[in-house]
């Protein structure tokens, strides 16, 4: 038996259903900062340095997520080594 369910909702409604934050203002601010620095011709403009304050915490989160997946794979029997 196969059952299909289709939902016709907007991305905003999905965010609200799952309790995710609305990051539109954050994205707008980030792009405005990038645009301002590009148009002002900042010497030594480096996109990595520009995004570093925004990515510092999130990269640590990805490392923790990757470690969690590795541990799950080990515990599921994928690897017999300790």
PDB file of N, CA and C in Angstrom:
ATOM      1  N   UNK A   1       0.847  -1.166   0.000  1.00  0.00           N
ATOM      2  CA  UNK A   1       0.000   0.000   0.000  1.00  0.00           C
ATOM      3  C   UNK A   1       0.892   1.228   0.000  1.00  0.00           C
ATOM      4  N   UNK A   2       0.541   2.191  -0.805  1.00  0.00           N
ATOM      5  CA  UNK A   2       1.297   3.423  -0.894  1.00  0.00           C
ATOM      6  C   UNK A   2       0.342   4.588  -0.645  1.00  0.00           C
ATOM      7  N   UNK A   3       0.716   5.453   0.270  1.00  0.00           N
ATOM      8  CA  UNK A   3      -0.095   6.620   0.598  1.00  0.00           C
ATOM      9  C   UNK A   3       0.735   7.864   0.350  1.00  0.00           C
ATOM     10  N   UNK A   4       0.168   8.804  -0.370  1.00  0.00           N
ATOM     11  CA  UNK A   4       0.854  10.066  -0.642  1.00  0.00           C
ATOM     12  C   UNK A   4       0.056  11.210  -0.036  1.00  0.00           C
ATOM     13  N   UNK A   5       0.787  12.123   0.580  1.00  0.00           N
ATOM     14  CA  UNK A   5       0.165  13.311   1.157  1.00  0.00           C
ATOM     15  C   UNK A   5       0.876  14.518   0.580  1.00  0.00           C
ATOM     16  N   UNK A   6       0.129  15.476   0.107  1.00  0.00           N
ATOM     17  CA  UNK A   6       0.712  16.668  -0.499  1.00  0.00           C
ATOM     18  C   UNK A   6       0.252  17.899   0.274  1.00  0.00           C
ATOM     19  N   UNK A   7       1.207  18.762   0.616  1.00  0.00           N
ATOM     20  CA  UNK A   7       0.905  20.003   1.304  1.00  0.00           C
ATOM     21  C   UNK A   7       1.218  21.159   0.382  1.00  0.00           C
ATOM     22  N   UNK A   8       0.325  22.101   0.300  1.00  0.00           N
ATOM     23  CA  UNK A   8       0.542  23.292  -0.516  1.00  0.00           C
ATOM     24  C   UNK A   8       0.685  24.478   0.427  1.00  0.00           C
ATOM     25  N   UNK A   9       1.930  24.671   0.931  1.00  0.00           N
ATOM     26  CA  UNK A   9       2.177  25.760   1.860  1.00  0.00           C
ATOM     27  C   UNK A   9       3.423  26.524   1.429  1.00  0.00           C
ATOM     28  N   UNK A  10       3.526  27.751   1.885  1.00  0.00           N
ATOM     29  CA  UNK A  10       4.654  28.606   1.529  1.00  0.00           C
ATOM     30  C   UNK A  10       5.846  28.312   2.440  1.00  0.00           C
ATOM     31  N   UNK A  11       7.039  28.723   2.042  1.00  0.00           N
ATOM     32  CA  UNK A  11       8.203  28.541   2.909  1.00  0.00           C
ATOM     33  C   UNK A  11       8.022  29.214   4.274  1.00  0.00           C
ATOM     34  N   UNK A  12       7.377  30.356   4.308  1.00  0.00           N
ATOM     35  CA  UNK A  12       7.137  31.048   5.579  1.00  0.00           C
ATOM     36  C   UNK A  12       6.268  30.189   6.501  1.00  0.00           C
ATOM     37  N   UNK A  13       5.259  29.560   5.933  1.00  0.00           N
ATOM     38  CA  UNK A  13       4.385  28.697   6.729  1.00  0.00           C
ATOM     39  C   UNK A  13       5.138  27.466   7.242  1.00  0.00           C
ATOM     40  N   UNK A  14       6.038  26.925   6.442  1.00  0.00           N
ATOM     41  CA  UNK A  14       6.842  25.773   6.865  1.00  0.00           C
ATOM     42  C   UNK A  14       7.721  26.170   8.054  1.00  0.00           C
ATOM     43  N   UNK A  15       8.355  27.360   7.951  1.00  0.00           N
ATOM     44  CA  UNK A  15       9.179  27.842   9.061  1.00  0.00           C
ATOM     45  C   UNK A  15       8.370  27.942  10.347  1.00  0.00           C
ATOM     46  N   UNK A  16       7.163  28.466  10.239  1.00  0.00           N
ATOM     47  CA  UNK A  16       6.318  28.615  11.428  1.00  0.00           C
ATOM     48  C   UNK A  16       5.915  27.253  11.994  1.00  0.00           C
ATOM     49  N   UNK A  17       5.585  26.299  11.121  1.00  0.00           N
ATOM     50  CA  UNK A  17       5.157  24.975  11.580  1.00  0.00           C
ATOM     51  C   UNK A  17       6.283  24.276  12.348  1.00  0.00           C
ATOM     52  N   UNK A  18       7.509  24.376  11.814  1.00  0.00           N
ATOM     53  CA  UNK A  18       8.638  23.701  12.446  1.00  0.00           C
ATOM     54  C   UNK A  18       9.326  24.555  13.504  1.00  0.00           C
ATOM     55  N   UNK A  19       8.854  25.788  13.698  1.00  0.00           N
ATOM     56  CA  UNK A  19       9.430  26.663  14.711  1.00  0.00           C
ATOM     57  C   UNK A  19      10.793  27.210  14.348  1.00  0.00           C
ATOM     58  N   UNK A  20      11.086  27.302  13.053  1.00  0.00           N
ATOM     59  CA  UNK A  20      12.373  27.825  12.612  1.00  0.00           C
ATOM     60  C   UNK A  20      12.333  29.352  12.580  1.00  0.00           C
ATOM     61  N   UNK A  21      13.472  29.994  12.810  1.00  0.00           N
ATOM     62  CA  UNK A  21      13.493  31.462  12.833  1.00  0.00           C
ATOM     63  C   UNK A  21      13.393  32.038  11.420  1.00  0.00           C
ATOM     64  N   UNK A  22      12.864  33.242  11.340  1.00  0.00           N
ATOM     65  CA  UNK A  22      12.802  33.957  10.071  1.00  0.00           C
ATOM     66  C   UNK A  22      14.121  34.709   9.915  1.00  0.00           C
ATOM     67  N   UNK A  23      14.946  34.312   8.958  1.00  0.00           N
ATOM     68  CA  UNK A  23      16.276  34.894   8.790  1.00  0.00           C
ATOM     69  C   UNK A  23      16.339  35.908   7.652  1.00  0.00           C
ATOM     70  N   UNK A  24      15.192  36.347   7.174  1.00  0.00           N
ATOM     71  CA  UNK A  24      15.172  37.288   6.055  1.00  0.00           C
ATOM     72  C   UNK A  24      15.894  38.586   6.403  1.00  0.00           C
ATOM     73  N   UNK A  25      15.645  39.141   7.586  1.00  0.00           N
ATOM     74  CA  UNK A  25      16.298  40.386   7.987  1.00  0.00           C
ATOM     75  C   UNK A  25      17.808  40.189   8.103  1.00  0.00           C
ATOM     76  N   UNK A  26      18.237  39.046   8.637  1.00  0.00           N
ATOM     77  CA  UNK A  26      19.666  38.736   8.753  1.00  0.00           C
ATOM     78  C   UNK A  26      20.316  38.661   7.371  1.00  0.00           C
ATOM     79  N   UNK A  27      19.656  37.971   6.441  1.00  0.00           N
ATOM     80  CA  UNK A  27      20.193  37.852   5.086  1.00  0.00           C
ATOM     81  C   UNK A  27      20.280  39.213   4.408  1.00  0.00           C
ATOM     82  N   UNK A  28      19.257  40.028   4.603  1.00  0.00           N
ATOM     83  CA  UNK A  28      19.251  41.361   4.004  1.00  0.00           C
ATOM     84  C   UNK A  28      20.401  42.199   4.557  1.00  0.00           C
ATOM     85  N   UNK A  29      20.615  42.157   5.878  1.00  0.00           N
ATOM     86  CA  UNK A  29      21.701  42.911   6.500  1.00  0.00           C
ATOM     87  C   UNK A  29      23.056  42.432   5.990  1.00  0.00           C
ATOM     88  N   UNK A  30      23.225  41.115   5.903  1.00  0.00           N
ATOM     89  CA  UNK A  30      24.478  40.543   5.426  1.00  0.00           C
ATOM     90  C   UNK A  30      24.781  40.996   3.998  1.00  0.00           C
ATOM     91  N   UNK A  31      23.793  40.933   3.125  1.00  0.00           N
ATOM     92  CA  UNK A  31      24.005  41.349   1.740  1.00  0.00           C
ATOM     93  C   UNK A  31      24.233  42.852   1.630  1.00  0.00           C
ATOM     94  N   UNK A  32      23.571  43.638   2.456  1.00  0.00           N
ATOM     95  CA  UNK A  32      23.813  45.084   2.461  1.00  0.00           C
ATOM     96  C   UNK A  32      25.244  45.396   2.886  1.00  0.00           C
ATOM     97  N   UNK A  33      25.757  44.665   3.895  1.00  0.00           N
ATOM     98  CA  UNK A  33      27.148  44.842   4.325  1.00  0.00           C
ATOM     99  C   UNK A  33      28.124  44.503   3.201  1.00  0.00           C
ATOM    100  N   UNK A  34      27.869  43.410   2.518  1.00  0.00           N
ATOM    101  CA  UNK A  34      28.731  42.998   1.406  1.00  0.00           C
ATOM    102  C   UNK A  34      28.697  44.062   0.314  1.00  0.00           C
ATOM    103  N   UNK A  35      27.514  44.485  -0.048  1.00  0.00           N
ATOM    104  CA  UNK A  35      27.356  45.492  -1.105  1.00  0.00           C
ATOM    105  C   UNK A  35      28.056  46.796  -0.729  1.00  0.00           C
ATOM    106  N   UNK A  36      27.921  47.214   0.528  1.00  0.00           N
ATOM    107  CA  UNK A  36      28.554  48.458   0.984  1.00  0.00           C
ATOM    108  C   UNK A  36      30.068  48.383   0.882  1.00  0.00           C
ATOM    109  N   UNK A  37      30.629  47.267   1.326  1.00  0.00           N
ATOM    110  CA  UNK A  37      32.086  47.110   1.269  1.00  0.00           C
ATOM    111  C   UNK A  37      32.588  47.024  -0.163  1.00  0.00           C
ATOM    112  N   UNK A  38      31.832  46.383  -1.013  1.00  0.00           N
ATOM    113  CA  UNK A  38      32.257  46.269  -2.412  1.00  0.00           C
ATOM    114  C   UNK A  38      32.217  47.620  -3.108  1.00  0.00           C
ATOM    115  N   UNK A  39      31.158  48.386  -2.883  1.00  0.00           N
ATOM    116  CA  UNK A  39      31.036  49.678  -3.567  1.00  0.00           C
ATOM    117  C   UNK A  39      31.974  50.725  -2.990  1.00  0.00           C
ATOM    118  N   UNK A  40      32.322  50.630  -1.698  1.00  0.00           N
ATOM    119  CA  UNK A  40      33.225  51.613  -1.108  1.00  0.00           C
ATOM    120  C   UNK A  40      34.682  51.323  -1.457  1.00  0.00           C
ATOM    121  N   UNK A  41      34.939  50.143  -2.020  1.00  0.00           N
ATOM    122  CA  UNK A  41      36.296  49.804  -2.445  1.00  0.00           C
ATOM    123  C   UNK A  41      37.254  49.655  -1.281  1.00  0.00           C
ATOM    124  N   UNK A  42      36.831  48.966  -0.263  1.00  0.00           N
ATOM    125  CA  UNK A  42      37.681  48.752   0.911  1.00  0.00           C
ATOM    126  C   UNK A  42      38.971  48.072   0.472  1.00  0.00           C
ATOM    127  N   UNK A  43      40.095  48.642   0.909  1.00  0.00           N
ATOM    128  CA  UNK A  43      41.387  48.038   0.568  1.00  0.00           C
ATOM    129  C   UNK A  43      41.505  46.676   1.218  1.00  0.00           C
ATOM    130  N   UNK A  44      41.992  45.716   0.457  1.00  0.00           N
ATOM    131  CA  UNK A  44      42.179  44.372   0.972  1.00  0.00           C
ATOM    132  C   UNK A  44      40.853  43.674   1.247  1.00  0.00           C
ATOM    133  N   UNK A  45      39.835  44.023   0.502  1.00  0.00           N
ATOM    134  CA  UNK A  45      38.518  43.400   0.701  1.00  0.00           C
ATOM    135  C   UNK A  45      38.654  41.891   0.553  1.00  0.00           C
ATOM    136  N   UNK A  46      38.298  41.182   1.581  1.00  0.00           N
ATOM    137  CA  UNK A  46      38.398  39.733   1.595  1.00  0.00           C
ATOM    138  C   UNK A  46      37.059  39.166   2.047  1.00  0.00           C
ATOM    139  N   UNK A  47      36.320  38.487   1.148  1.00  0.00           N
ATOM    140  CA  UNK A  47      35.013  37.952   1.520  1.00  0.00           C
ATOM    141  C   UNK A  47      35.061  36.998   2.713  1.00  0.00           C
ATOM    142  N   UNK A  48      36.131  36.243   2.876  1.00  0.00           N
ATOM    143  CA  UNK A  48      36.239  35.313   3.996  1.00  0.00           C
ATOM    144  C   UNK A  48      36.235  36.084   5.308  1.00  0.00           C
ATOM    145  N   UNK A  49      36.984  37.175   5.374  1.00  0.00           N
ATOM    146  CA  UNK A  49      37.012  37.992   6.586  1.00  0.00           C
ATOM    147  C   UNK A  49      35.656  38.640   6.833  1.00  0.00           C
ATOM    148  N   UNK A  50      34.950  38.975   5.774  1.00  0.00           N
ATOM    149  CA  UNK A  50      33.634  39.590   5.912  1.00  0.00           C
ATOM    150  C   UNK A  50      32.633  38.617   6.526  1.00  0.00           C
ATOM    151  N   UNK A  51      32.664  37.360   6.094  1.00  0.00           N
ATOM    152  CA  UNK A  51      31.708  36.368   6.571  1.00  0.00           C
ATOM    153  C   UNK A  51      32.147  35.668   7.851  1.00  0.00           C
ATOM    154  N   UNK A  52      33.390  35.847   8.262  1.00  0.00           N
ATOM    155  CA  UNK A  52      33.919  35.134   9.423  1.00  0.00           C
ATOM    156  C   UNK A  52      33.084  35.332  10.690  1.00  0.00           C
ATOM    157  N   UNK A  53      32.638  36.561  11.026  1.00  0.00           N
ATOM    158  CA  UNK A  53      31.821  36.698  12.243  1.00  0.00           C
ATOM    159  C   UNK A  53      30.512  35.906  12.185  1.00  0.00           C
ATOM    160  N   UNK A  54      29.978  35.728  10.993  1.00  0.00           N
ATOM    161  CA  UNK A  54      28.714  35.021  10.841  1.00  0.00           C
ATOM    162  C   UNK A  54      28.905  33.501  10.849  1.00  0.00           C
ATOM    163  N   UNK A  55      30.094  33.036  10.468  1.00  0.00           N
ATOM    164  CA  UNK A  55      30.316  31.605  10.302  1.00  0.00           C
ATOM    165  C   UNK A  55      31.023  30.941  11.473  1.00  0.00           C
ATOM    166  N   UNK A  56      31.595  31.712  12.370  1.00  0.00           N
ATOM    167  CA  UNK A  56      32.403  31.142  13.442  1.00  0.00           C
ATOM    168  C   UNK A  56      31.631  30.109  14.247  1.00  0.00           C
ATOM    169  N   UNK A  57      30.457  30.470  14.735  1.00  0.00           N
ATOM    170  CA  UNK A  57      29.670  29.534  15.533  1.00  0.00           C
ATOM    171  C   UNK A  57      29.098  28.400  14.716  1.00  0.00           C
ATOM    172  N   UNK A  58      28.706  28.683  13.487  1.00  0.00           N
ATOM    173  CA  UNK A  58      28.063  27.647  12.691  1.00  0.00           C
ATOM    174  C   UNK A  58      29.044  26.564  12.250  1.00  0.00           C
ATOM    175  N   UNK A  59      30.298  26.910  12.050  1.00  0.00           N
ATOM    176  CA  UNK A  59      31.277  25.894  11.659  1.00  0.00           C
ATOM    177  C   UNK A  59      31.515  24.918  12.812  1.00  0.00           C
ATOM    178  N   UNK A  60      31.527  25.427  14.032  1.00  0.00           N
ATOM    179  CA  UNK A  60      31.678  24.535  15.185  1.00  0.00           C
ATOM    180  C   UNK A  60      30.478  23.602  15.279  1.00  0.00           C
ATOM    181  N   UNK A  61      29.317  24.112  14.960  1.00  0.00           N
ATOM    182  CA  UNK A  61      28.114  23.283  14.980  1.00  0.00           C
ATOM    183  C   UNK A  61      28.211  22.165  13.953  1.00  0.00           C
ATOM    184  N   UNK A  62      28.735  22.457  12.780  1.00  0.00           N
ATOM    185  CA  UNK A  62      28.881  21.425  11.749  1.00  0.00           C
ATOM    186  C   UNK A  62      29.866  20.358  12.194  1.00  0.00           C
ATOM    187  N   UNK A  63      30.933  20.767  12.883  1.00  0.00           N
ATOM    188  CA  UNK A  63      31.888  19.778  13.394  1.00  0.00           C
ATOM    189  C   UNK A  63      31.219  18.838  14.393  1.00  0.00           C
ATOM    190  N   UNK A  64      30.418  19.405  15.296  1.00  0.00           N
ATOM    191  CA  UNK A  64      29.704  18.566  16.264  1.00  0.00           C
ATOM    192  C   UNK A  64      28.728  17.634  15.562  1.00  0.00           C
ATOM    193  N   UNK A  65      28.053  18.141  14.538  1.00  0.00           N
ATOM    194  CA  UNK A  65      27.101  17.327  13.779  1.00  0.00           C
ATOM    195  C   UNK A  65      27.828  16.179  13.083  1.00  0.00           C
ATOM    196  N   UNK A  66      28.968  16.466  12.479  1.00  0.00           N
ATOM    197  CA  UNK A  66      29.744  15.433  11.797  1.00  0.00           C
ATOM    198  C   UNK A  66      30.216  14.375  12.790  1.00  0.00           C
ATOM    199  N   UNK A  67      30.673  14.809  13.957  1.00  0.00           N
ATOM    200  CA  UNK A  67      31.109  13.849  14.984  1.00  0.00           C
ATOM    201  C   UNK A  67      29.951  12.981  15.438  1.00  0.00           C
ATOM    202  N   UNK A  68      28.766  13.570  15.573  1.00  0.00           N
ATOM    203  CA  UNK A  68      27.592  12.806  15.982  1.00  0.00           C
ATOM    204  C   UNK A  68      27.272  11.731  14.941  1.00  0.00           C
ATOM    205  N   UNK A  69      27.307  12.100  13.665  1.00  0.00           N
ATOM    206  CA  UNK A  69      27.022  11.124  12.608  1.00  0.00           C
ATOM    207  C   UNK A  69      28.057  10.001  12.593  1.00  0.00           C
ATOM    208  N   UNK A  70      29.314  10.348  12.828  1.00  0.00           N
ATOM    209  CA  UNK A  70      30.373   9.343  12.877  1.00  0.00           C
ATOM    210  C   UNK A  70      30.115   8.360  14.022  1.00  0.00           C
ATOM    211  N   UNK A  71      29.744   8.902  15.181  1.00  0.00           N
ATOM    212  CA  UNK A  71      29.466   8.033  16.331  1.00  0.00           C
ATOM    213  C   UNK A  71      28.250   7.145  16.083  1.00  0.00           C
ATOM    214  N   UNK A  72      27.240   7.675  15.449  1.00  0.00           N
ATOM    215  CA  UNK A  72      26.058   6.870  15.132  1.00  0.00           C
ATOM    216  C   UNK A  72      26.428   5.741  14.190  1.00  0.00           C
ATOM    217  N   UNK A  73      27.252   6.046  13.187  1.00  0.00           N
ATOM    218  CA  UNK A  73      27.671   5.014  12.239  1.00  0.00           C
ATOM    219  C   UNK A  73      28.471   3.913  12.949  1.00  0.00           C
ATOM    220  N   UNK A  74      29.325   4.312  13.886  1.00  0.00           N
ATOM    221  CA  UNK A  74      30.112   3.311  14.627  1.00  0.00           C
ATOM    222  C   UNK A  74      29.215   2.436  15.482  1.00  0.00           C
ATOM    223  N   UNK A  75      28.238   3.068  16.145  1.00  0.00           N
ATOM    224  CA  UNK A  75      27.353   2.309  17.028  1.00  0.00           C
ATOM    225  C   UNK A  75      26.385   1.410  16.272  1.00  0.00           C
ATOM    226  N   UNK A  76      26.116   1.745  15.014  1.00  0.00           N
ATOM    227  CA  UNK A  76      25.160   0.950  14.245  1.00  0.00           C
ATOM    228  C   UNK A  76      25.775  -0.339  13.703  1.00  0.00           C
ATOM    229  N   UNK A  77      27.060  -0.519  13.931  1.00  0.00           N
ATOM    230  CA  UNK A  77      27.702  -1.744  13.493  1.00  0.00           C
ATOM    231  C   UNK A  77      28.506  -1.574  12.218  1.00  0.00           C
ATOM    232  N   UNK A  78      28.605  -0.347  11.739  1.00  0.00           N
ATOM    233  CA  UNK A  78      29.386  -0.084  10.532  1.00  0.00           C
ATOM    234  C   UNK A  78      30.871  -0.264  10.739  1.00  0.00           C
ATOM    235  N   UNK A  79      31.312  -0.099  11.985  1.00  0.00           N
ATOM    236  CA  UNK A  79      32.717  -0.240  12.318  1.00  0.00           C
ATOM    237  C   UNK A  79      32.862  -0.978  13.638  1.00  0.00           C
ATOM    238  N   UNK A  80      33.706  -2.005  13.670  1.00  0.00           N
ATOM    239  CA  UNK A  80      33.872  -2.811  14.873  1.00  0.00           C
ATOM    240  C   UNK A  80      35.043  -2.337  15.717  1.00  0.00           C
ATOM    241  N   UNK A  81      35.761  -1.282  15.277  1.00  0.00           N
ATOM    242  CA  UNK A  81      36.926  -0.819  16.022  1.00  0.00           C
ATOM    243  C   UNK A  81      36.518   0.216  17.050  1.00  0.00           C
ATOM    244  N   UNK A  82      37.238   0.254  18.175  1.00  0.00           N
ATOM    245  CA  UNK A  82      36.990   1.252  19.226  1.00  0.00           C
ATOM    246  C   UNK A  82      38.161   2.191  19.306  1.00  0.00           C
TER     247      UNK A  82
END
